[in-house]
N, C-alpha and C. Protein backbone atom coordinates (compact mmCIF):
# COMPACT_ATOMS: atom_id res chain seq x y z
N UNK A 1 49.92 8.88 -11.48
CA UNK A 1 48.64 8.76 -11.75
C UNK A 1 47.26 7.46 -10.69
N UNK A 2 48.13 6.58 -10.19
CA UNK A 2 47.51 5.53 -9.44
C UNK A 2 46.48 6.84 -8.18
N UNK A 3 47.53 7.08 -7.95
CA UNK A 3 47.13 7.88 -6.44
C UNK A 3 46.16 9.45 -6.66
N UNK A 4 46.35 9.82 -8.10
CA UNK A 4 45.50 10.71 -8.45
C UNK A 4 44.42 10.01 -8.70
N UNK A 5 44.01 9.25 -9.91
CA UNK A 5 43.02 8.36 -10.01
C UNK A 5 42.01 8.10 -8.67
N UNK A 6 42.83 8.03 -7.72
CA UNK A 6 41.84 7.12 -6.45
C UNK A 6 41.34 8.39 -5.91
N UNK A 7 42.28 9.50 -5.66
CA UNK A 7 41.70 10.70 -5.13
C UNK A 7 40.57 11.00 -5.83
N UNK A 8 40.57 10.88 -7.18
CA UNK A 8 39.38 11.64 -8.32
C UNK A 8 38.07 10.49 -7.56
N UNK A 9 38.32 9.42 -7.75
CA UNK A 9 37.20 8.33 -7.35
C UNK A 9 36.20 8.56 -6.14
N UNK A 10 37.28 8.66 -5.31
CA UNK A 10 36.86 9.14 -4.01
C UNK A 10 36.16 10.67 -3.73
N UNK A 11 36.74 11.59 -4.50
CA UNK A 11 35.97 12.49 -4.12
C UNK A 11 34.84 12.84 -5.24
N UNK A 12 34.71 12.18 -6.40
CA UNK A 12 33.36 11.98 -6.81
C UNK A 12 32.55 11.54 -6.12
N UNK A 13 32.88 10.66 -5.29
CA UNK A 13 31.66 9.81 -4.50
C UNK A 13 31.21 10.88 -3.48
N UNK A 14 32.11 11.49 -2.74
CA UNK A 14 32.14 12.21 -1.69
C UNK A 14 31.35 13.55 -1.85
N UNK A 15 31.53 14.61 -2.90
CA UNK A 15 30.51 14.98 -3.67
C UNK A 15 29.22 14.64 -3.97
N UNK A 16 29.23 12.72 -4.50
CA UNK A 16 27.77 12.75 -4.91
C UNK A 16 26.86 12.56 -3.21
N UNK A 17 28.07 12.19 -2.28
CA UNK A 17 27.00 11.60 -1.18
C UNK A 17 26.49 13.14 -0.41
N UNK A 18 27.48 14.22 -0.79
CA UNK A 18 27.06 15.26 -0.06
C UNK A 18 25.97 16.33 -0.88
N UNK A 19 25.52 15.38 -1.93
CA UNK A 19 24.23 16.45 -2.61
C UNK A 19 22.94 15.87 -2.64
N UNK A 20 23.04 14.96 -1.80
CA UNK A 20 21.78 13.69 -1.62
C UNK A 20 20.74 14.48 0.03
N UNK A 21 21.31 15.65 0.30
CA UNK A 21 20.49 16.44 1.59
C UNK A 21 21.67 16.32 2.69
N UNK A 22 21.06 16.69 3.57
CA UNK A 22 21.99 16.76 4.84
C UNK A 22 22.47 15.07 5.49
N UNK A 23 23.78 15.36 5.72
CA UNK A 23 24.31 14.23 6.13
C UNK A 23 24.85 13.77 7.04
N UNK A 24 23.95 13.01 7.69
CA UNK A 24 24.74 12.35 9.81
C UNK A 24 25.05 11.29 9.18
N UNK A 25 26.44 11.07 9.78
CA UNK A 25 27.26 10.19 9.17
C UNK A 25 27.29 8.86 10.12
N UNK A 26 25.80 8.79 11.22
CA UNK A 26 25.59 7.92 11.95
C UNK A 26 24.76 7.15 11.32
N UNK A 27 24.01 8.16 10.57
CA UNK A 27 22.46 7.91 9.97
C UNK A 27 22.65 8.25 8.75
N UNK A 28 23.29 7.17 7.70
CA UNK A 28 23.35 7.51 6.19
C UNK A 28 22.30 7.26 5.60
N UNK A 29 21.58 7.68 4.58
CA UNK A 29 20.24 7.04 3.94
C UNK A 29 21.07 5.87 2.89
N UNK A 30 20.13 5.14 2.26
CA UNK A 30 20.70 4.27 0.98
C UNK A 30 21.93 4.68 0.58
N UNK A 31 21.09 5.91 -0.51
CA UNK A 31 22.04 6.01 -1.27
C UNK A 31 23.21 6.59 -0.59
N UNK A 32 23.49 7.49 0.35
CA UNK A 32 24.81 7.92 1.26
C UNK A 32 25.29 6.61 1.45
N UNK A 33 25.13 5.74 1.91
CA UNK A 33 25.51 4.28 2.53
C UNK A 33 26.46 3.55 1.40
N UNK A 34 25.74 3.72 0.57
CA UNK A 34 26.76 2.97 -0.77
C UNK A 34 27.77 3.54 -1.00
N UNK A 35 27.23 4.94 -1.66
CA UNK A 35 28.46 5.74 -1.94
C UNK A 35 29.65 5.59 -1.01
N UNK A 36 29.15 6.09 0.31
CA UNK A 36 30.59 5.88 1.59
C UNK A 36 30.78 4.91 1.33
N UNK A 37 30.56 3.76 1.41
CA UNK A 37 31.35 2.33 1.36
C UNK A 37 31.53 1.53 0.33
N UNK A 38 31.12 1.59 -0.99
CA UNK A 38 31.89 1.17 -1.95
C UNK A 38 32.49 1.82 -2.93
N UNK A 39 32.65 3.22 -2.51
CA UNK A 39 33.87 3.99 -3.08
C UNK A 39 35.18 3.66 -2.94
N UNK A 40 35.21 3.57 -1.55
CA UNK A 40 36.69 2.97 -0.76
C UNK A 40 37.10 1.59 -1.08
N UNK A 41 36.05 0.16 -1.34
CA UNK A 41 36.86 -0.79 -1.57
C UNK A 41 36.59 -1.02 -3.40
N UNK A 42 36.12 -0.02 -4.19
CA UNK A 42 36.28 0.16 -5.54
C UNK A 42 37.58 0.66 -6.23
N UNK A 43 38.20 1.61 -5.16
CA UNK A 43 39.55 2.12 -5.16
C UNK A 43 40.60 0.85 -4.89
N UNK A 44 40.37 0.21 -3.31
CA UNK A 44 41.11 -0.61 -3.60
C UNK A 44 41.15 -2.04 -4.14
N UNK A 45 40.54 -2.22 -4.82
CA UNK A 45 40.02 -3.38 -5.41
C UNK A 45 41.20 -2.99 -6.92
N UNK A 46 41.06 -1.86 -7.12
CA UNK A 46 41.55 -1.30 -8.64
C UNK A 46 42.98 -1.09 -8.02
N UNK A 47 43.12 -0.78 -7.36
CA UNK A 47 44.77 -1.04 -6.78
C UNK A 47 45.41 -2.29 -7.09
N UNK A 48 44.55 -3.08 -5.77
CA UNK A 48 45.14 -4.44 -6.22
C UNK A 48 45.70 -5.00 -7.36
N UNK A 49 44.21 -4.62 -8.68
CA UNK A 49 44.76 -5.25 -10.21
C UNK A 49 45.49 -4.48 -10.75
N UNK A 50 45.95 -3.91 -10.31
CA UNK A 50 47.11 -2.65 -10.62
C UNK A 50 48.52 -3.54 -10.08
N UNK A 51 48.66 -2.87 -9.18
CA UNK A 51 49.88 -3.67 -9.04
C UNK A 51 49.97 -5.19 -9.17
N UNK A 52 48.89 -6.10 -9.19
CA UNK A 52 49.34 -7.45 -10.08
C UNK A 52 49.83 -7.46 -11.50
N UNK A 53 49.08 -6.43 -11.98
CA UNK A 53 49.23 -6.50 -13.49
C UNK A 53 50.53 -5.90 -13.91
N UNK A 54 50.99 -4.57 -13.23
CA UNK A 54 52.17 -4.44 -13.71
C UNK A 54 53.36 -4.94 -13.85
N UNK A 55 53.77 -5.81 -12.63
CA UNK A 55 54.98 -6.34 -12.76
C UNK A 55 55.04 -7.44 -13.63
N UNK A 56 54.12 -7.63 -14.33
CA UNK A 56 54.33 -8.42 -15.31
C UNK A 56 54.34 -7.79 -16.72
N UNK A 57 54.81 -6.86 -16.78
CA UNK A 57 54.69 -5.77 -18.12
C UNK A 57 56.38 -5.30 -18.00
N UNK A 58 56.69 -5.05 -19.45
CA UNK A 58 57.69 -4.30 -19.79
C UNK A 58 57.71 -2.71 -19.52
N UNK A 59 58.85 -2.22 -19.19
CA UNK A 59 59.06 -0.78 -19.01
C UNK A 59 57.53 0.26 -19.86
N UNK A 60 57.91 -0.43 -20.99
CA UNK A 60 58.03 0.34 -21.97
C UNK A 60 56.38 0.67 -22.08
N UNK A 61 55.96 -1.07 -21.76
CA UNK A 61 54.20 -1.06 -22.04
C UNK A 61 53.72 -0.10 -20.60
N UNK A 62 54.06 -0.25 -19.61
CA UNK A 62 53.59 0.66 -18.41
C UNK A 62 53.40 1.84 -18.47
N UNK A 63 53.93 2.40 -19.77
CA UNK A 63 53.12 3.74 -20.02
C UNK A 63 51.92 3.99 -20.63
N UNK A 64 51.87 3.08 -21.65
CA UNK A 64 50.01 2.86 -22.62
C UNK A 64 49.99 2.26 -21.76
N UNK A 65 49.87 1.23 -20.63
CA UNK A 65 48.75 0.69 -19.54
C UNK A 65 48.34 1.73 -18.97
N UNK A 66 48.91 2.91 -18.56
CA UNK A 66 48.48 3.73 -17.61
C UNK A 66 47.10 4.17 -17.68
N UNK A 67 46.96 4.78 -19.11
CA UNK A 67 45.33 4.90 -19.62
C UNK A 67 44.49 3.70 -19.40
N UNK A 68 44.71 2.31 -19.63
CA UNK A 68 44.09 1.68 -19.54
C UNK A 68 43.88 1.66 -17.43
N UNK A 69 44.11 2.09 -17.16
CA UNK A 69 44.14 1.89 -15.54
C UNK A 69 43.32 2.94 -15.11
N UNK A 70 43.33 4.50 -15.79
CA UNK A 70 42.54 5.30 -15.70
C UNK A 70 41.36 5.10 -15.99
N UNK A 71 40.98 4.31 -17.18
CA UNK A 71 39.98 3.84 -17.76
C UNK A 71 38.97 3.25 -16.54
N UNK A 72 40.16 2.41 -15.67
CA UNK A 72 39.41 0.87 -14.98
C UNK A 72 38.92 1.96 -13.54
N UNK A 73 39.63 2.85 -13.49
CA UNK A 73 39.15 3.43 -12.09
C UNK A 73 37.69 4.59 -12.04
N UNK A 74 37.85 4.82 -13.85
CA UNK A 74 36.54 5.51 -14.09
C UNK A 74 35.42 4.54 -14.13
N UNK A 75 35.82 3.66 -14.56
CA UNK A 75 34.62 2.38 -14.59
C UNK A 75 34.28 1.84 -13.20
N UNK A 76 35.23 1.80 -12.32
CA UNK A 76 34.94 1.47 -10.85
C UNK A 76 34.07 2.53 -10.42
N UNK A 77 34.63 4.09 -10.68
CA UNK A 77 33.69 4.91 -10.01
C UNK A 77 32.21 4.86 -10.45
N UNK A 78 32.11 4.57 -12.23
CA UNK A 78 30.70 4.69 -12.72
C UNK A 78 29.89 3.33 -12.05
N UNK A 79 30.61 2.34 -11.29
CA UNK A 79 29.99 1.37 -10.82
C UNK A 79 29.34 1.78 -9.66
N UNK A 80 30.29 2.24 -8.79
CA UNK A 80 29.50 2.68 -6.97
C UNK A 80 28.62 3.68 -7.50
N UNK A 81 28.53 4.69 -8.43
CA UNK A 81 27.64 5.97 -8.54
C UNK A 81 26.65 4.80 -9.05
N UNK A 82 26.13 3.78 -9.65
CA UNK A 82 25.13 2.61 -9.90
C UNK A 82 24.70 2.35 -9.07
N UNK A 83 25.58 1.09 -8.28
CA UNK A 83 24.97 1.01 -7.04
C UNK A 83 24.84 1.87 -5.82
N UNK A 84 25.85 2.93 -6.10
CA UNK A 84 24.52 3.79 -4.51
C UNK A 84 23.37 4.42 -5.19
N UNK A 85 22.12 3.91 -6.49
CA UNK A 85 21.40 4.34 -6.41
C UNK A 85 19.88 3.22 -5.73
N UNK A 86 21.22 2.09 -5.85
CA UNK A 86 20.43 1.29 -5.28
C UNK A 86 20.02 0.84 -3.81
N UNK A 87 18.73 1.16 -3.00
CA UNK A 87 18.74 1.00 -1.74
C UNK A 87 18.03 -0.62 -1.87
N UNK A 88 17.53 -0.94 -0.38
CA UNK A 88 17.13 -2.04 0.16
C UNK A 88 15.75 -2.55 -0.74
N UNK A 89 15.49 -3.89 -1.39
CA UNK A 89 14.49 -4.04 -1.96
C UNK A 89 13.29 -4.42 -0.66
N UNK A 90 12.47 -3.73 -0.27
CA UNK A 90 11.93 -4.11 1.10
C UNK A 90 11.01 -4.87 0.78
N UNK A 91 10.32 -5.28 -0.34
CA UNK A 91 9.91 -6.22 -0.97
C UNK A 91 10.19 -7.57 -0.79
N UNK A 92 11.26 -7.70 -0.67
CA UNK A 92 11.97 -9.13 -0.39
C UNK A 92 12.21 -9.20 0.80
N UNK A 93 11.99 -8.10 2.29
CA UNK A 93 12.06 -8.49 3.37
C UNK A 93 10.94 -9.30 4.03
N UNK A 94 11.27 -10.71 4.57
CA UNK A 94 10.68 -11.28 5.30
C UNK A 94 10.20 -10.69 6.62
N UNK A 95 8.91 -10.55 6.63
CA UNK A 95 7.95 -10.27 8.29
C UNK A 95 7.08 -10.91 8.19
N UNK A 96 7.01 -12.10 8.87
CA UNK A 96 6.37 -13.26 9.47
C UNK A 96 6.43 -13.42 10.90
N UNK A 97 7.39 -13.71 11.31
CA UNK A 97 7.48 -13.95 13.25
C UNK A 97 8.25 -12.78 13.63
N UNK A 98 8.07 -12.23 14.89
CA UNK A 98 8.92 -11.41 15.96
C UNK A 98 10.31 -11.65 15.84
N UNK A 99 11.03 -12.47 15.07
CA UNK A 99 12.35 -12.52 14.86
C UNK A 99 12.78 -11.98 13.61
N UNK A 100 11.27 -12.24 13.14
CA UNK A 100 11.55 -11.46 11.37
C UNK A 100 11.85 -9.56 11.78
N UNK A 101 10.95 -9.04 12.42
CA UNK A 101 10.88 -8.00 12.62
C UNK A 101 12.05 -7.32 13.11
N UNK A 102 12.79 -8.09 14.08
CA UNK A 102 13.45 -7.42 15.10
C UNK A 102 14.51 -7.60 14.42
N UNK A 103 15.04 -8.38 13.10
CA UNK A 103 16.12 -8.52 12.36
C UNK A 103 16.06 -7.29 11.20
N UNK A 104 14.65 -7.23 10.91
CA UNK A 104 14.49 -5.83 10.29
C UNK A 104 14.87 -4.38 10.72
N UNK A 105 14.92 -4.54 11.97
CA UNK A 105 15.08 -2.85 12.81
C UNK A 105 15.89 -2.30 11.76
N UNK A 106 17.19 -2.53 11.33
CA UNK A 106 17.97 -1.98 10.62
C UNK A 106 17.49 -1.21 9.02
N UNK A 107 16.94 -2.27 8.53
CA UNK A 107 16.11 -1.59 7.44
C UNK A 107 14.84 -0.33 7.47
N UNK A 108 14.33 -0.93 8.66
CA UNK A 108 13.04 0.11 9.06
C UNK A 108 13.84 1.39 9.27
N UNK A 109 15.27 1.53 9.74
CA UNK A 109 15.24 2.57 10.39
C UNK A 109 15.89 3.52 8.70
N UNK A 110 16.50 2.90 8.17
CA UNK A 110 16.78 3.13 6.79
C UNK A 110 15.25 3.70 5.91
N UNK A 111 14.77 2.98 6.57
CA UNK A 111 13.20 3.63 5.63
C UNK A 111 13.21 5.10 6.06
N UNK A 112 13.16 5.14 7.45
CA UNK A 112 12.71 6.08 8.12
C UNK A 112 13.53 7.35 7.64
N UNK A 113 14.92 6.96 7.67
CA UNK A 113 16.02 8.17 7.24
C UNK A 113 16.18 8.33 5.69
N UNK A 114 15.33 7.58 4.86
CA UNK A 114 15.24 8.07 3.45
C UNK A 114 14.25 8.94 3.32
N UNK A 115 13.30 8.72 4.30
CA UNK A 115 11.77 9.84 4.32
C UNK A 115 12.46 10.73 4.72
N UNK A 116 13.16 10.64 5.39
CA UNK A 116 13.41 12.26 6.26
C UNK A 116 14.59 12.83 5.75
N UNK A 117 15.54 12.25 4.21
CA UNK A 117 16.36 12.90 4.32
C UNK A 117 16.35 13.60 2.80
N UNK A 118 14.87 13.21 2.25
CA UNK A 118 14.68 13.44 0.79
C UNK A 118 13.39 14.66 0.66
N UNK A 119 13.15 15.87 -0.05
CA UNK A 119 12.30 16.30 -0.21
C UNK A 119 10.81 15.42 -0.93
N UNK A 120 9.75 16.22 -0.22
CA UNK A 120 8.55 15.54 -0.24
C UNK A 120 7.79 14.75 -1.82
N UNK A 121 8.43 15.72 -2.57
CA UNK A 121 7.76 15.65 -3.81
C UNK A 121 9.03 14.90 -4.70
N UNK A 122 10.01 14.26 -4.45
CA UNK A 122 11.28 13.85 -4.86
C UNK A 122 11.02 12.63 -4.56
N UNK A 123 11.64 11.41 -6.17
CA UNK A 123 11.56 10.09 -5.29
C UNK A 123 10.55 9.31 -4.85
N UNK A 124 9.30 9.61 -5.53
CA UNK A 124 8.10 9.22 -5.04
C UNK A 124 7.68 7.53 -5.67
N UNK A 125 8.67 6.79 -6.00
CA UNK A 125 8.45 5.50 -6.18
C UNK A 125 9.66 5.14 -5.03
N UNK A 126 10.08 5.59 -4.58
CA UNK A 126 11.25 4.94 -3.75
C UNK A 126 10.35 5.28 -2.00
N UNK A 127 9.67 6.14 -2.11
CA UNK A 127 9.34 6.90 -0.87
C UNK A 127 8.05 6.19 -0.72
N UNK A 128 7.16 5.83 -1.60
CA UNK A 128 6.79 4.67 -0.80
C UNK A 128 6.63 4.01 -0.66
N UNK A 129 7.72 3.12 -1.61
CA UNK A 129 8.42 1.75 -0.92
C UNK A 129 8.70 1.60 0.76
N UNK A 130 9.32 2.78 0.95
CA UNK A 130 9.49 2.95 2.22
C UNK A 130 8.50 2.83 2.91
N UNK A 131 7.45 3.96 2.58
CA UNK A 131 6.37 3.95 3.32
C UNK A 131 5.85 2.74 3.37
N UNK A 132 5.13 2.36 2.83
CA UNK A 132 4.63 0.78 2.82
C UNK A 132 5.54 0.00 3.70
N UNK A 133 6.43 -0.64 3.68
CA UNK A 133 7.85 -1.30 4.44
C UNK A 133 7.51 -0.84 5.95
N UNK A 134 7.42 0.27 5.76
CA UNK A 134 7.67 0.75 7.77
C UNK A 134 6.02 0.99 8.12
N UNK A 135 4.93 0.94 7.51
CA UNK A 135 3.85 0.45 7.98
C UNK A 135 3.62 -0.87 8.29
N UNK A 136 3.77 -1.86 7.37
CA UNK A 136 3.87 -3.34 7.35
C UNK A 136 5.16 -3.55 9.18
N UNK A 137 6.06 -2.97 9.10
CA UNK A 137 7.10 -3.40 10.25
C UNK A 137 6.61 -2.77 11.32
N UNK A 138 5.82 -1.07 11.44
CA UNK A 138 5.33 -0.83 12.49
C UNK A 138 3.82 -1.69 12.98
N UNK A 139 3.03 -2.26 12.35
CA UNK A 139 1.98 -3.06 12.32
C UNK A 139 2.16 -4.60 13.36
N UNK A 140 3.50 -4.94 12.96
CA UNK A 140 4.13 -6.10 13.58
C UNK A 140 4.86 -6.11 14.14
N UNK A 141 5.83 -5.73 14.48
CA UNK A 141 6.92 -5.59 15.20
C UNK A 141 6.59 -5.63 16.59
N UNK A 142 7.36 -6.64 17.37
CA UNK A 142 6.56 -6.81 19.14
C UNK A 142 7.36 -5.93 20.07
N UNK A 143 8.37 -4.76 19.66
CA UNK A 143 8.83 -4.31 20.58
C UNK A 143 8.56 -3.13 20.54
N UNK A 144 7.84 -2.14 19.82
CA UNK A 144 7.71 -0.97 19.72
C UNK A 144 6.00 -0.83 19.47
N UNK A 145 5.19 -0.06 20.19
CA UNK A 145 3.87 0.51 20.12
C UNK A 145 4.12 1.71 19.35
N UNK A 146 3.47 2.11 18.44
CA UNK A 146 3.12 3.29 17.74
C UNK A 146 1.56 3.80 17.46
N UNK A 147 1.29 5.16 18.05
CA UNK A 147 0.06 5.80 17.83
C UNK A 147 -0.11 7.11 17.43
N UNK A 148 -0.66 7.68 16.58
CA UNK A 148 -0.64 8.95 16.15
C UNK A 148 -1.54 10.26 16.88
N UNK A 149 -2.31 9.44 17.99
CA UNK A 149 -2.64 10.51 19.00
C UNK A 149 -3.60 11.27 17.93
N UNK A 150 -3.11 12.59 18.85
CA UNK A 150 -3.82 14.13 18.06
C UNK A 150 -3.69 14.46 17.03
N UNK A 151 -2.19 13.86 16.68
CA UNK A 151 -0.89 14.34 15.68
C UNK A 151 -1.75 14.43 14.30
N UNK A 152 -2.63 13.25 14.03
CA UNK A 152 -3.21 13.36 12.54
C UNK A 152 -4.34 14.38 12.51
N UNK A 153 -4.96 14.69 13.52
CA UNK A 153 -5.63 15.99 13.87
C UNK A 153 -5.00 17.04 13.32
N UNK A 154 -3.55 17.48 13.99
CA UNK A 154 -2.76 18.71 13.90
C UNK A 154 -2.67 18.63 12.25
N UNK A 155 -1.88 17.60 12.28
CA UNK A 155 -1.36 17.84 10.21
C UNK A 155 -2.44 17.85 9.60
N UNK A 156 -4.02 17.66 9.82
CA UNK A 156 -4.74 18.41 9.20
C UNK A 156 -4.99 16.40 7.86
N UNK A 157 -4.52 15.62 8.53
CA UNK A 157 -4.46 14.26 8.21
C UNK A 157 -3.94 14.48 6.54
N UNK A 158 -2.68 15.29 6.62
CA UNK A 158 -2.02 15.26 4.87
C UNK A 158 -1.19 14.42 5.06
N UNK A 159 -1.49 13.47 3.72
CA UNK A 159 -1.05 12.05 3.33
C UNK A 159 1.25 12.35 3.96
N UNK A 160 1.52 13.52 3.02
CA UNK A 160 2.73 13.67 2.85
C UNK A 160 3.40 14.01 4.32
N UNK A 161 3.09 14.52 5.52
CA UNK A 161 3.21 14.90 6.52
C UNK A 161 3.60 13.61 7.38
N UNK A 162 2.07 12.92 7.60
CA UNK A 162 1.78 11.76 8.09
C UNK A 162 3.01 10.86 7.77
N UNK A 163 3.29 10.62 6.93
CA UNK A 163 4.46 9.75 6.33
C UNK A 163 5.38 10.09 7.13
N UNK A 164 5.53 11.33 7.27
CA UNK A 164 7.18 11.95 7.89
C UNK A 164 7.21 12.27 9.20
N UNK A 165 5.95 12.07 9.71
CA UNK A 165 5.29 11.73 11.26
C UNK A 165 5.39 10.65 11.52
N UNK A 166 5.26 9.18 10.95
CA UNK A 166 5.39 8.19 11.22
C UNK A 166 6.89 7.47 11.16
N UNK A 167 7.52 8.36 9.92
CA UNK A 167 9.24 8.20 9.94
C UNK A 167 9.85 8.65 11.32
N UNK A 168 9.20 9.68 11.49
CA UNK A 168 10.07 10.18 13.01
C UNK A 168 9.56 9.22 13.98
N UNK A 169 8.57 8.58 13.98
CA UNK A 169 8.03 8.09 15.16
C UNK A 169 9.14 6.47 15.18
N UNK A 170 9.50 6.14 14.28
CA UNK A 170 10.38 4.92 13.51
C UNK A 170 11.87 5.07 14.66
N UNK A 171 12.09 6.51 13.95
CA UNK A 171 13.51 6.83 13.90
C UNK A 171 14.13 6.93 15.33
N UNK A 172 12.94 7.97 16.30
CA UNK A 172 12.80 8.03 17.75
C UNK A 172 12.92 6.65 18.37
N UNK A 173 11.94 5.89 18.04
CA UNK A 173 12.31 4.67 18.94
C UNK A 173 13.40 3.99 18.56
N UNK A 174 14.19 3.48 17.81
CA UNK A 174 15.18 2.72 17.08
C UNK A 174 15.91 3.13 17.76
N UNK A 175 16.19 4.80 17.63
CA UNK A 175 17.50 5.31 18.13
C UNK A 175 17.26 5.86 19.66
N UNK A 176 16.51 5.52 20.62
CA UNK A 176 16.33 5.81 21.71
C UNK A 176 15.23 4.41 22.84
N UNK A 177 15.51 3.45 23.00
CA UNK A 177 15.29 2.20 23.38
C UNK A 177 14.34 2.45 24.66
N UNK A 178 15.31 3.06 25.42
CA UNK A 178 14.30 3.15 26.67
C UNK A 178 13.28 4.18 26.93
N UNK A 179 13.34 5.23 26.32
CA UNK A 179 12.21 6.26 25.77
C UNK A 179 11.22 5.67 25.07
N UNK A 180 11.35 4.56 24.30
CA UNK A 180 10.48 4.38 23.07
C UNK A 180 9.03 3.77 23.68
N UNK A 181 9.41 3.54 25.24
CA UNK A 181 8.12 2.73 25.94
C UNK A 181 7.47 3.57 26.41
N UNK A 182 7.49 5.06 26.37
CA UNK A 182 6.59 6.02 26.95
C UNK A 182 6.13 6.61 25.57
N UNK A 183 4.97 6.77 25.37
CA UNK A 183 4.43 7.13 24.28
C UNK A 183 4.25 8.73 24.40
N UNK A 184 4.27 9.56 25.29
CA UNK A 184 4.71 10.81 25.32
C UNK A 184 6.05 11.40 25.00
N UNK A 185 7.11 10.70 25.10
CA UNK A 185 8.21 10.74 25.15
C UNK A 185 8.61 10.41 23.36
N UNK A 186 7.72 9.50 22.85
CA UNK A 186 7.70 9.29 21.54
C UNK A 186 6.86 9.87 20.66
N UNK A 187 6.14 10.97 21.01
CA UNK A 187 5.38 11.61 20.59
C UNK A 187 6.21 13.69 20.33
N UNK A 188 6.53 13.67 21.30
CA UNK A 188 7.81 14.96 21.63
C UNK A 188 8.51 14.60 20.40
N UNK A 189 9.48 13.62 20.42
CA UNK A 189 10.56 12.93 20.04
C UNK A 189 10.16 13.29 18.37
N UNK A 190 9.16 12.51 17.96
CA UNK A 190 8.79 12.90 16.83
C UNK A 190 8.55 14.23 16.15
N UNK A 191 7.86 15.12 16.99
CA UNK A 191 7.42 16.26 16.50
C UNK A 191 8.48 16.98 16.35
N UNK A 192 9.47 16.84 17.42
CA UNK A 192 10.47 17.68 16.82
C UNK A 192 11.17 17.47 15.75
N UNK A 193 11.39 16.35 15.11
CA UNK A 193 12.06 15.64 13.85
C UNK A 193 11.24 16.24 12.79
N UNK A 194 9.64 16.13 13.11
CA UNK A 194 9.18 16.50 11.83
C UNK A 194 9.11 18.27 11.83
N UNK A 195 8.46 18.74 12.18
CA UNK A 195 9.13 20.34 12.38
C UNK A 195 10.25 20.43 12.46
N UNK A 196 11.57 19.50 11.98
CA UNK A 196 12.66 20.12 11.69
C UNK A 196 12.87 20.04 10.03
N UNK A 197 12.22 19.05 9.92
CA UNK A 197 12.24 18.68 8.32
C UNK A 197 11.22 19.60 7.75
N UNK A 198 10.34 19.99 7.90
CA UNK A 198 9.50 21.12 7.61
C UNK A 198 10.08 22.26 7.57
N UNK A 199 10.95 22.46 8.37
CA UNK A 199 11.54 23.72 8.73
C UNK A 199 12.78 24.09 7.45
N UNK A 200 12.88 22.70 6.93
CA UNK A 200 14.12 23.28 5.62
C UNK A 200 13.59 23.21 4.57
N UNK A 201 13.81 24.73 3.88
CA UNK A 201 13.11 25.09 2.61
C UNK A 201 12.76 24.01 1.36
N UNK A 202 14.17 23.46 0.98
CA UNK A 202 14.19 22.50 0.06
C UNK A 202 13.33 21.22 0.16
N UNK A 203 12.71 21.15 1.59
CA UNK A 203 11.75 20.01 1.47
C UNK A 203 10.29 20.07 0.81
N UNK A 204 10.09 21.29 0.69
CA UNK A 204 9.16 21.42 -0.15
C UNK A 204 7.75 21.54 0.82
N UNK A 205 7.84 21.49 1.94
CA UNK A 205 6.67 20.94 2.64
C UNK A 205 5.47 22.57 3.03
N UNK A 206 4.44 22.62 2.29
CA UNK A 206 3.61 23.75 2.35
C UNK A 206 3.29 23.96 3.65
N UNK A 207 3.93 24.82 4.28
CA UNK A 207 3.28 25.17 5.98
C UNK A 207 2.32 26.00 6.40
N UNK A 208 1.62 25.15 7.03
CA UNK A 208 -0.12 26.19 7.40
C UNK A 208 0.48 26.72 8.80
N UNK A 209 -0.66 27.89 8.98
CA UNK A 209 -0.39 28.65 10.26
C UNK A 209 0.10 27.99 11.59
N UNK A 210 -0.39 26.84 11.52
CA UNK A 210 -0.21 25.60 12.63
C UNK A 210 0.93 25.70 12.78
N UNK A 211 1.67 24.82 11.44
CA UNK A 211 2.70 24.10 11.51
C UNK A 211 3.95 24.99 11.86
N UNK A 212 3.88 26.45 10.96
CA UNK A 212 4.64 27.67 11.61
C UNK A 212 4.92 28.14 12.91
N UNK A 213 3.45 28.07 13.57
CA UNK A 213 3.73 28.19 15.01
C UNK A 213 4.31 27.03 16.00
N UNK A 214 4.53 26.20 15.23
CA UNK A 214 4.81 24.48 16.11
C UNK A 214 6.61 24.78 16.03
N UNK A 215 7.05 25.09 14.56
CA UNK A 215 8.45 25.38 14.38
C UNK A 215 8.77 26.47 14.99
N UNK A 216 8.56 27.56 15.33
CA UNK A 216 8.63 28.62 16.24
C UNK A 216 8.58 28.23 17.46
N UNK A 217 7.63 27.27 18.07
CA UNK A 217 7.42 27.26 19.38
C UNK A 217 8.94 26.03 19.55
N UNK A 218 9.20 24.77 18.98
CA UNK A 218 10.07 23.75 18.99
C UNK A 218 11.54 24.56 19.26
N UNK A 219 11.40 26.04 18.58
CA UNK A 219 12.60 26.54 18.40
C UNK A 219 12.96 27.42 20.13
N UNK A 220 11.68 27.79 20.79
CA UNK A 220 12.01 28.62 21.81
C UNK A 220 11.48 27.39 23.25
N UNK A 221 11.75 26.32 22.50
CA UNK A 221 11.76 25.20 23.74
C UNK A 221 10.18 25.15 24.29
N UNK A 222 9.42 25.16 23.42
CA UNK A 222 7.69 25.95 24.07
C UNK A 222 6.66 24.75 23.30
N UNK A 223 7.41 23.68 22.66
CA UNK A 223 6.53 22.78 21.90
C UNK A 223 5.49 22.15 22.85
N UNK A 224 5.93 21.24 24.10
CA UNK A 224 5.29 21.04 24.45
C UNK A 224 3.56 21.47 24.91
N UNK A 225 3.83 22.65 24.87
CA UNK A 225 2.24 23.26 25.94
C UNK A 225 1.70 23.93 24.59
N UNK A 226 2.43 23.73 23.13
CA UNK A 226 1.43 24.54 21.99
C UNK A 226 0.77 22.60 21.04
N UNK A 227 1.04 21.13 21.74
CA UNK A 227 1.24 20.78 21.03
C UNK A 227 -0.85 20.19 21.77
């Protein structure tokens, strides 16, 4: 029963994680991160309680207590699910001096990945929170420089797509420290990420003729000459 309950808990957590969009195990969203890393300690804690509790009971009572164990694991799984929905509270992240911005790099990447892993018209409140934090972080980080260049014009200054583009820039810079000093490389890397996002039907992006052309150019390795 203990093993079965543990497997069920991990199975539920795994299903939940893979239902939140594309899963990049190196860059999990806040939701996927908590699912992955809270499921295991939840089961481990449950097993610890069980093994400490059982020796003190009689053999007859152990069978009855199996029901309690199953309830415990279900409760832990539920707790895991509730915590999994809680991402960073970006309003509480201090950004006053250069070291604060450097310390917040991980949060910036998490916010960018959250925006890039969910549809444009879903979780509006969470997306707005991520967007506000990224704009503040981008405007004050001493290590990276960001410029929209002509990208805003190409995107018709669409606010949703501009948000995806800024998330793409942050992701590129934080994952490519050397290339982040070259604005042209930032632009190309960011556009590739944005176009890959737009090409996923589930992200609900209204594709203009220009975007469709750029998506095809990206697939054909001709993106640079079409921007």
